Amino acid sequence: MGKSVLIVEDDPEIVKLVSLYLKRDGHNVMTANNGSDGLRLVRESKPDLVILDLMLPQLDGMEICRVLREEGSKVPIIMLTALVQEENLLQGFDLGADDYIPKPFSPKELSARVRAVLRRTSRESEEEVQGKFEHGDISIDTQSRTVHLGPNIITLTPTEFRLLVMFMRKPGRVLTRENIIDDAFGYDFDGFDRTVDVHVSNIRNKFGADSGGNNYIQTVHGVGYKLRNE
């Protein structure tokens, strides 16, 4: 059964083309041509996924993403952007975006990204039933989306949380950057392997690795990363 997808984009030709492909895949499509209407429709219609342009009239895509995550919305968000600099992509992921597609793009690729993100979020919903992961001093509650290191609460961005859960599912197993990108984001986002390094570094810093604390996520040189064995 198709999902409901909201396209927030001010270019009518892009909206027309993307809508055509998504409808062919069996999805129900809604559209908004400015940020304010897009935010309102997410709140009112509760779509299964949002395709969100960054540069929008009235309210830009980054602000929409920030507001939705602050309100507790877990709706998957795929960003459309002409801003492919690494700092822009990292900012989008840190605000809670699930994937990005640089313009110009292939509508077939967008359809594949939509399928991948929906598969991943469906898997994460199933994992929430499990409730908790524990490894050494680290504990994660997937229902409340909280992380503890011993008695201390660790605040992670949505992307960092997703990465940590992935490592917790496979303790001691070495994961390549390609494994991490595919598992955490559901699709290879065109070679930005350093985004993985930056997110891992941020998690380490929040766990105190930068100040002599335990290095919970270890680098396997030339390969990738693994969660340290207890």
C-alpha atoms as a PDB file:
ATOM      1  CA  MET A   1       0.000   0.000   0.000  1.00  0.00           C
ATOM      2  CA  GLY A   2       1.347   3.429  -0.974  1.00  0.00           C
ATOM      3  CA  LYS A   3       2.414   6.026   1.544  1.00  0.00           C
ATOM      4  CA  SER A   4       1.435   9.685   1.739  1.00  0.00           C
ATOM      5  CA  VAL A   5       4.212  11.996   0.537  1.00  0.00           C
ATOM      6  CA  LEU A   6       4.263  15.777   0.866  1.00  0.00           C
ATOM      7  CA  ILE A   7       6.356  17.721  -1.682  1.00  0.00           C
ATOM      8  CA  VAL A   8       7.335  21.215  -0.503  1.00  0.00           C
ATOM      9  CA  GLU A   9       8.860  22.865  -3.572  1.00  0.00           C
ATOM     10  CA  ASP A  10       8.274  26.198  -5.339  1.00  0.00           C
ATOM     11  CA  ASP A  11       9.333  25.054  -8.840  1.00  0.00           C
ATOM     12  CA  PRO A  12       6.128  23.814 -10.541  1.00  0.00           C
ATOM     13  CA  GLU A  13       8.034  21.714 -13.099  1.00  0.00           C
ATOM     14  CA  ILE A  14       9.895  19.820 -10.370  1.00  0.00           C
ATOM     15  CA  VAL A  15       6.643  19.301  -8.474  1.00  0.00           C
ATOM     16  CA  LYS A  16       4.939  17.975 -11.597  1.00  0.00           C
ATOM     17  CA  LEU A  17       7.761  15.543 -12.448  1.00  0.00           C
ATOM     18  CA  VAL A  18       8.300  14.255  -8.897  1.00  0.00           C
ATOM     19  CA  SER A  19       4.550  13.849  -8.365  1.00  0.00           C
ATOM     20  CA  LEU A  20       4.286  11.779 -11.544  1.00  0.00           C
ATOM     21  CA  TYR A  21       6.973   9.326 -10.467  1.00  0.00           C
ATOM     22  CA  LEU A  22       5.710   9.018  -6.891  1.00  0.00           C
ATOM     23  CA  LYS A  23       2.156   8.383  -8.072  1.00  0.00           C
ATOM     24  CA  ARG A  24       3.469   5.691 -10.411  1.00  0.00           C
ATOM     25  CA  ASP A  25       4.970   4.046  -7.310  1.00  0.00           C
ATOM     26  CA  GLY A  26       1.517   4.062  -5.724  1.00  0.00           C
ATOM     27  CA  HIS A  27       2.022   6.938  -3.269  1.00  0.00           C
ATOM     28  CA  ASN A  28      -0.554   9.565  -2.386  1.00  0.00           C
ATOM     29  CA  VAL A  29       0.971  12.972  -3.134  1.00  0.00           C
ATOM     30  CA  MET A  30       0.323  16.354  -1.526  1.00  0.00           C
ATOM     31  CA  THR A  31       2.107  19.575  -2.499  1.00  0.00           C
ATOM     32  CA  ALA A  32       2.945  22.998  -1.095  1.00  0.00           C
ATOM     33  CA  ASN A  33       4.790  25.793  -2.917  1.00  0.00           C
ATOM     34  CA  ASN A  34       6.045  27.739   0.098  1.00  0.00           C
ATOM     35  CA  GLY A  35       7.493  26.965   3.503  1.00  0.00           C
ATOM     36  CA  SER A  36       4.586  28.224   5.588  1.00  0.00           C
ATOM     37  CA  ASP A  37       2.021  26.065   3.775  1.00  0.00           C
ATOM     38  CA  GLY A  38       4.423  23.130   3.882  1.00  0.00           C
ATOM     39  CA  LEU A  39       4.824  23.340   7.657  1.00  0.00           C
ATOM     40  CA  ARG A  40       1.062  23.652   8.100  1.00  0.00           C
ATOM     41  CA  LEU A  41       0.389  20.591   5.921  1.00  0.00           C
ATOM     42  CA  VAL A  42       2.911  18.464   7.818  1.00  0.00           C
ATOM     43  CA  ARG A  43       1.172  19.354  11.065  1.00  0.00           C
ATOM     44  CA  GLU A  44      -2.356  18.842   9.732  1.00  0.00           C
ATOM     45  CA  SER A  45      -2.002  15.913   7.332  1.00  0.00           C
ATOM     46  CA  LYS A  46       0.743  13.875   9.067  1.00  0.00           C
ATOM     47  CA  PRO A  47       2.382  12.558   5.844  1.00  0.00           C
ATOM     48  CA  ASP A  48       4.543   9.440   5.887  1.00  0.00           C
ATOM     49  CA  LEU A  49       7.433  11.331   4.247  1.00  0.00           C
ATOM     50  CA  VAL A  50       8.319  14.908   3.269  1.00  0.00           C
ATOM     51  CA  ILE A  51      10.358  15.968   0.239  1.00  0.00           C
ATOM     52  CA  LEU A  52      11.595  19.411   1.229  1.00  0.00           C
ATOM     53  CA  ASP A  53      13.355  22.035  -0.872  1.00  0.00           C
ATOM     54  CA  LEU A  54      15.908  24.129   1.023  1.00  0.00           C
ATOM     55  CA  MET A  55      15.300  27.450  -0.730  1.00  0.00           C
ATOM     56  CA  LEU A  56      11.627  28.281  -0.247  1.00  0.00           C
ATOM     57  CA  PRO A  57       9.518  31.442  -0.027  1.00  0.00           C
ATOM     58  CA  GLN A  58       8.364  32.534   3.458  1.00  0.00           C
ATOM     59  CA  LEU A  59      10.161  29.796   5.417  1.00  0.00           C
ATOM     60  CA  ASP A  60      13.251  27.899   4.278  1.00  0.00           C
ATOM     61  CA  GLY A  61      13.699  24.141   4.462  1.00  0.00           C
ATOM     62  CA  MET A  62      16.268  24.201   7.266  1.00  0.00           C
ATOM     63  CA  GLU A  63      13.890  26.155   9.498  1.00  0.00           C
ATOM     64  CA  ILE A  64      10.999  23.811   8.709  1.00  0.00           C
ATOM     65  CA  CYS A  65      13.175  20.813   9.594  1.00  0.00           C
ATOM     66  CA  ARG A  66      14.339  22.451  12.824  1.00  0.00           C
ATOM     67  CA  VAL A  67      10.786  23.328  13.916  1.00  0.00           C
ATOM     68  CA  LEU A  68       9.421  19.849  13.165  1.00  0.00           C
ATOM     69  CA  ARG A  69      12.156  18.092  15.130  1.00  0.00           C
ATOM     70  CA  GLU A  70      11.766  20.484  18.059  1.00  0.00           C
ATOM     71  CA  GLU A  71       8.040  19.659  18.053  1.00  0.00           C
ATOM     72  CA  GLY A  72       8.904  15.963  18.235  1.00  0.00           C
ATOM     73  CA  SER A  73       7.883  15.028  14.694  1.00  0.00           C
ATOM     74  CA  LYS A  74       9.609  11.891  13.409  1.00  0.00           C
ATOM     75  CA  VAL A  75       8.390  12.261   9.818  1.00  0.00           C
ATOM     76  CA  PRO A  76      11.186  11.254   7.405  1.00  0.00           C
ATOM     77  CA  ILE A  77      12.553  14.251   5.490  1.00  0.00           C
ATOM     78  CA  ILE A  78      14.433  14.167   2.187  1.00  0.00           C
ATOM     79  CA  MET A  79      15.958  17.541   1.341  1.00  0.00           C
ATOM     80  CA  LEU A  80      16.303  18.873  -2.203  1.00  0.00           C
ATOM     81  CA  THR A  81      19.179  21.295  -2.457  1.00  0.00           C
ATOM     82  CA  ALA A  82      21.527  23.078  -4.830  1.00  0.00           C
ATOM     83  CA  LEU A  83      23.799  23.682  -1.808  1.00  0.00           C
ATOM     84  CA  VAL A  84      26.045  20.636  -1.885  1.00  0.00           C
ATOM     85  CA  GLN A  85      28.869  22.006   0.269  1.00  0.00           C
ATOM     86  CA  GLU A  86      29.653  19.575   3.062  1.00  0.00           C
ATOM     87  CA  GLU A  87      28.819  22.055   5.837  1.00  0.00           C
ATOM     88  CA  ASN A  88      25.300  22.531   4.410  1.00  0.00           C
ATOM     89  CA  LEU A  89      24.733  18.779   4.258  1.00  0.00           C
ATOM     90  CA  LEU A  90      25.982  18.233   7.797  1.00  0.00           C
ATOM     91  CA  GLN A  91      23.744  21.033   9.040  1.00  0.00           C
ATOM     92  CA  GLY A  92      20.749  19.366   7.410  1.00  0.00           C
ATOM     93  CA  PHE A  93      21.538  15.982   8.936  1.00  0.00           C
ATOM     94  CA  ASP A  94      22.117  17.524  12.362  1.00  0.00           C
ATOM     95  CA  LEU A  95      18.716  19.216  12.183  1.00  0.00           C
ATOM     96  CA  GLY A  96      17.157  15.816  11.548  1.00  0.00           C
ATOM     97  CA  ALA A  97      17.013  15.364   7.774  1.00  0.00           C
ATOM     98  CA  ASP A  98      17.084  11.727   6.672  1.00  0.00           C
ATOM     99  CA  ASP A  99      18.638  12.169   3.242  1.00  0.00           C
ATOM    100  CA  TYR A 100      19.431  14.796   0.644  1.00  0.00           C
ATOM    101  CA  ILE A 101      19.386  14.940  -3.137  1.00  0.00           C
ATOM    102  CA  PRO A 102      21.409  17.597  -4.981  1.00  0.00           C
ATOM    103  CA  LYS A 103      19.793  19.474  -7.852  1.00  0.00           C
ATOM    104  CA  PRO A 104      19.548  18.695 -10.708  1.00  0.00           C
ATOM    105  CA  PHE A 105      18.497  15.127  -9.960  1.00  0.00           C
ATOM    106  CA  SER A 106      17.018  12.075 -11.640  1.00  0.00           C
ATOM    107  CA  PRO A 107      13.379  11.410 -10.670  1.00  0.00           C
ATOM    108  CA  LYS A 108      14.200   7.699 -10.756  1.00  0.00           C
ATOM    109  CA  GLU A 109      16.910   8.276  -8.164  1.00  0.00           C
ATOM    110  CA  LEU A 110      14.486  10.268  -6.020  1.00  0.00           C
ATOM    111  CA  SER A 111      11.985   7.399  -6.173  1.00  0.00           C
ATOM    112  CA  ALA A 112      14.735   5.017  -5.043  1.00  0.00           C
ATOM    113  CA  ARG A 113      15.679   7.336  -2.171  1.00  0.00           C
ATOM    114  CA  VAL A 114      12.042   7.544  -1.073  1.00  0.00           C
ATOM    115  CA  ARG A 115      11.785   3.747  -1.003  1.00  0.00           C
ATOM    116  CA  ALA A 116      15.064   3.440   0.911  1.00  0.00           C
ATOM    117  CA  VAL A 117      14.136   6.014   3.558  1.00  0.00           C
ATOM    118  CA  LEU A 118      10.684   4.474   4.053  1.00  0.00           C
ATOM    119  CA  ARG A 119      12.264   1.014   4.485  1.00  0.00           C
ATOM    120  CA  ARG A 120      14.728   2.327   7.048  1.00  0.00           C
ATOM    121  CA  THR A 121      12.134   4.236   9.061  1.00  0.00           C
ATOM    122  CA  SER A 122       9.887   1.176   9.049  1.00  0.00           C
ATOM    123  CA  ARG A 123      12.784  -0.866  10.454  1.00  0.00           C
ATOM    124  CA  GLU A 124      13.448   1.769  13.110  1.00  0.00           C
ATOM    125  CA  SER A 125       9.776   1.697  14.118  1.00  0.00           C
ATOM    126  CA  GLU A 126      10.073  -2.052  14.655  1.00  0.00           C
ATOM    127  CA  GLU A 127      13.216  -1.532  16.739  1.00  0.00           C
ATOM    128  CA  GLU A 128      11.359   0.873  19.014  1.00  0.00           C
ATOM    129  CA  VAL A 129       9.267  -2.085  20.164  1.00  0.00           C
ATOM    130  CA  GLN A 130      12.469  -3.643  21.503  1.00  0.00           C
ATOM    131  CA  GLY A 131      12.850  -0.539  23.638  1.00  0.00           C
ATOM    132  CA  LYS A 132      16.414  -0.699  24.909  1.00  0.00           C
ATOM    133  CA  PHE A 133      19.988  -1.476  23.932  1.00  0.00           C
ATOM    134  CA  GLU A 134      22.775  -1.785  26.489  1.00  0.00           C
ATOM    135  CA  HIS A 135      26.524  -2.127  26.056  1.00  0.00           C
ATOM    136  CA  GLY A 136      28.917  -1.462  28.903  1.00  0.00           C
ATOM    137  CA  ASP A 137      28.064   1.918  30.428  1.00  0.00           C
ATOM    138  CA  ILE A 138      25.940   2.923  27.432  1.00  0.00           C
ATOM    139  CA  SER A 139      22.172   2.425  27.428  1.00  0.00           C
ATOM    140  CA  ILE A 140      19.662   3.566  24.820  1.00  0.00           C
ATOM    141  CA  ASP A 141      15.892   3.736  25.101  1.00  0.00           C
ATOM    142  CA  THR A 142      14.579   3.867  21.544  1.00  0.00           C
ATOM    143  CA  GLN A 143      11.025   4.704  22.593  1.00  0.00           C
ATOM    144  CA  SER A 144      11.971   7.838  24.524  1.00  0.00           C
ATOM    145  CA  ARG A 145      15.048   8.368  22.311  1.00  0.00           C
ATOM    146  CA  THR A 146      17.293   8.884  25.331  1.00  0.00           C
ATOM    147  CA  VAL A 147      20.942   7.904  25.754  1.00  0.00           C
ATOM    148  CA  HIS A 148      22.702   7.364  29.091  1.00  0.00           C
ATOM    149  CA  LEU A 149      26.404   6.998  29.780  1.00  0.00           C
ATOM    150  CA  GLY A 150      26.323   5.617  33.295  1.00  0.00           C
ATOM    151  CA  PRO A 151      24.039   7.998  35.227  1.00  0.00           C
ATOM    152  CA  ASN A 152      24.537  10.862  32.756  1.00  0.00           C
ATOM    153  CA  ILE A 153      22.153  11.744  29.938  1.00  0.00           C
ATOM    154  CA  ILE A 154      23.936  12.296  26.602  1.00  0.00           C
ATOM    155  CA  THR A 155      22.188  14.599  24.125  1.00  0.00           C
ATOM    156  CA  LEU A 156      22.607  13.466  20.524  1.00  0.00           C
ATOM    157  CA  THR A 157      21.313  14.858  17.256  1.00  0.00           C
ATOM    158  CA  PRO A 158      18.898  12.590  15.327  1.00  0.00           C
ATOM    159  CA  THR A 159      21.710  11.509  12.997  1.00  0.00           C
ATOM    160  CA  GLU A 160      24.086  10.775  15.877  1.00  0.00           C
ATOM    161  CA  PHE A 161      21.357   8.795  17.644  1.00  0.00           C
ATOM    162  CA  ARG A 162      20.746   6.721  14.518  1.00  0.00           C
ATOM    163  CA  LEU A 163      24.454   5.994  14.142  1.00  0.00           C
ATOM    164  CA  LEU A 164      24.850   4.979  17.784  1.00  0.00           C
ATOM    165  CA  VAL A 165      21.885   2.588  17.597  1.00  0.00           C
ATOM    166  CA  MET A 166      23.482   1.036  14.524  1.00  0.00           C
ATOM    167  CA  PHE A 167      26.755   0.451  16.405  1.00  0.00           C
ATOM    168  CA  MET A 168      24.852  -0.894  19.433  1.00  0.00           C
ATOM    169  CA  ARG A 169      23.109  -3.448  17.234  1.00  0.00           C
ATOM    170  CA  LYS A 170      26.494  -4.796  16.116  1.00  0.00           C
ATOM    171  CA  PRO A 171      28.980  -4.461  19.020  1.00  0.00           C
ATOM    172  CA  GLY A 172      32.534  -5.442  18.159  1.00  0.00           C
ATOM    173  CA  ARG A 173      31.788  -5.745  14.447  1.00  0.00           C
ATOM    174  CA  VAL A 174      33.882  -3.602  12.110  1.00  0.00           C
ATOM    175  CA  LEU A 175      31.728  -1.451   9.849  1.00  0.00           C
ATOM    176  CA  THR A 176      33.056   0.321   6.774  1.00  0.00           C
ATOM    177  CA  ARG A 177      31.965   3.860   5.971  1.00  0.00           C
ATOM    178  CA  GLU A 178      29.931   2.392   3.116  1.00  0.00           C
ATOM    179  CA  ASN A 179      28.197  -0.001   5.552  1.00  0.00           C
ATOM    180  CA  ILE A 180      27.451   2.882   7.878  1.00  0.00           C
ATOM    181  CA  ILE A 181      26.081   5.136   5.149  1.00  0.00           C
ATOM    182  CA  ASP A 182      23.874   2.392   3.732  1.00  0.00           C
ATOM    183  CA  ASP A 183      22.584   1.231   7.124  1.00  0.00           C
ATOM    184  CA  ALA A 184      22.150   4.611   8.791  1.00  0.00           C
ATOM    185  CA  PHE A 185      20.829   6.564   5.821  1.00  0.00           C
ATOM    186  CA  GLY A 186      19.426   3.835   3.608  1.00  0.00           C
ATOM    187  CA  TYR A 187      21.230   4.991   0.471  1.00  0.00           C
ATOM    188  CA  ASP A 188      24.750   6.003  -0.586  1.00  0.00           C
ATOM    189  CA  PHE A 189      24.804   9.803  -0.707  1.00  0.00           C
ATOM    190  CA  ASP A 190      27.430  10.302  -3.381  1.00  0.00           C
ATOM    191  CA  GLY A 191      30.753   9.892  -1.656  1.00  0.00           C
ATOM    192  CA  PHE A 192      30.472  12.208   1.335  1.00  0.00           C
ATOM    193  CA  ASP A 193      32.269   9.668   3.504  1.00  0.00           C
ATOM    194  CA  ARG A 194      33.666  12.411   5.727  1.00  0.00           C
ATOM    195  CA  THR A 195      30.172  13.079   7.058  1.00  0.00           C
ATOM    196  CA  VAL A 196      30.476   9.719   8.859  1.00  0.00           C
ATOM    197  CA  ASP A 197      33.830  10.770  10.347  1.00  0.00           C
ATOM    198  CA  VAL A 198      32.373  14.058  11.585  1.00  0.00           C
ATOM    199  CA  HIS A 199      29.357  12.401  13.226  1.00  0.00           C
ATOM    200  CA  VAL A 200      31.510   9.720  14.868  1.00  0.00           C
ATOM    201  CA  SER A 201      33.838  12.439  16.175  1.00  0.00           C
ATOM    202  CA  ASN A 202      30.870  14.318  17.624  1.00  0.00           C
ATOM    203  CA  ILE A 203      29.608  11.193  19.410  1.00  0.00           C
ATOM    204  CA  ARG A 204      33.070  10.533  20.834  1.00  0.00           C
ATOM    205  CA  ASN A 205      33.321  14.098  22.099  1.00  0.00           C
ATOM    206  CA  LYS A 206      29.950  13.842  23.823  1.00  0.00           C
ATOM    207  CA  PHE A 207      31.102  10.621  25.484  1.00  0.00           C
ATOM    208  CA  GLY A 208      34.216  12.386  26.737  1.00  0.00           C
ATOM    209  CA  ALA A 209      36.797  10.832  24.416  1.00  0.00           C
ATOM    210  CA  ASP A 210      38.287  14.265  23.753  1.00  0.00           C
ATOM    211  CA  SER A 211      39.084  14.703  27.450  1.00  0.00           C
ATOM    212  CA  GLY A 212      40.670  11.321  28.123  1.00  0.00           C
ATOM    213  CA  GLY A 213      37.470   9.321  28.537  1.00  0.00           C
ATOM    214  CA  ASN A 214      36.795   5.909  27.071  1.00  0.00           C
ATOM    215  CA  ASN A 215      36.906   5.755  23.299  1.00  0.00           C
ATOM    216  CA  TYR A 216      33.717   3.760  22.822  1.00  0.00           C
ATOM    217  CA  ILE A 217      33.726   3.928  19.030  1.00  0.00           C
ATOM    218  CA  GLN A 218      37.112   2.779  17.803  1.00  0.00           C
ATOM    219  CA  THR A 219      38.768   3.495  14.468  1.00  0.00           C
ATOM    220  CA  VAL A 220      39.914   0.488  12.458  1.00  0.00           C
ATOM    221  CA  HIS A 221      42.474   2.139  10.198  1.00  0.00           C
ATOM    222  CA  GLY A 222      41.871   1.679   6.517  1.00  0.00           C
ATOM    223  CA  VAL A 223      38.522  -0.007   7.140  1.00  0.00           C
ATOM    224  CA  GLY A 224      36.028   1.907   9.295  1.00  0.00           C
ATOM    225  CA  TYR A 225      34.755   1.854  12.885  1.00  0.00           C
ATOM    226  CA  LYS A 226      33.521  -0.524  15.560  1.00  0.00           C
ATOM    227  CA  LEU A 227      31.937  -0.289  19.002  1.00  0.00           C
ATOM    228  CA  ARG A 228      34.559  -1.233  21.578  1.00  0.00           C
ATOM    229  CA  ASN A 229      34.047  -4.628  23.218  1.00  0.00           C
ATOM    230  CA  GLU A 230      33.168  -4.530  26.921  1.00  0.00           C
END
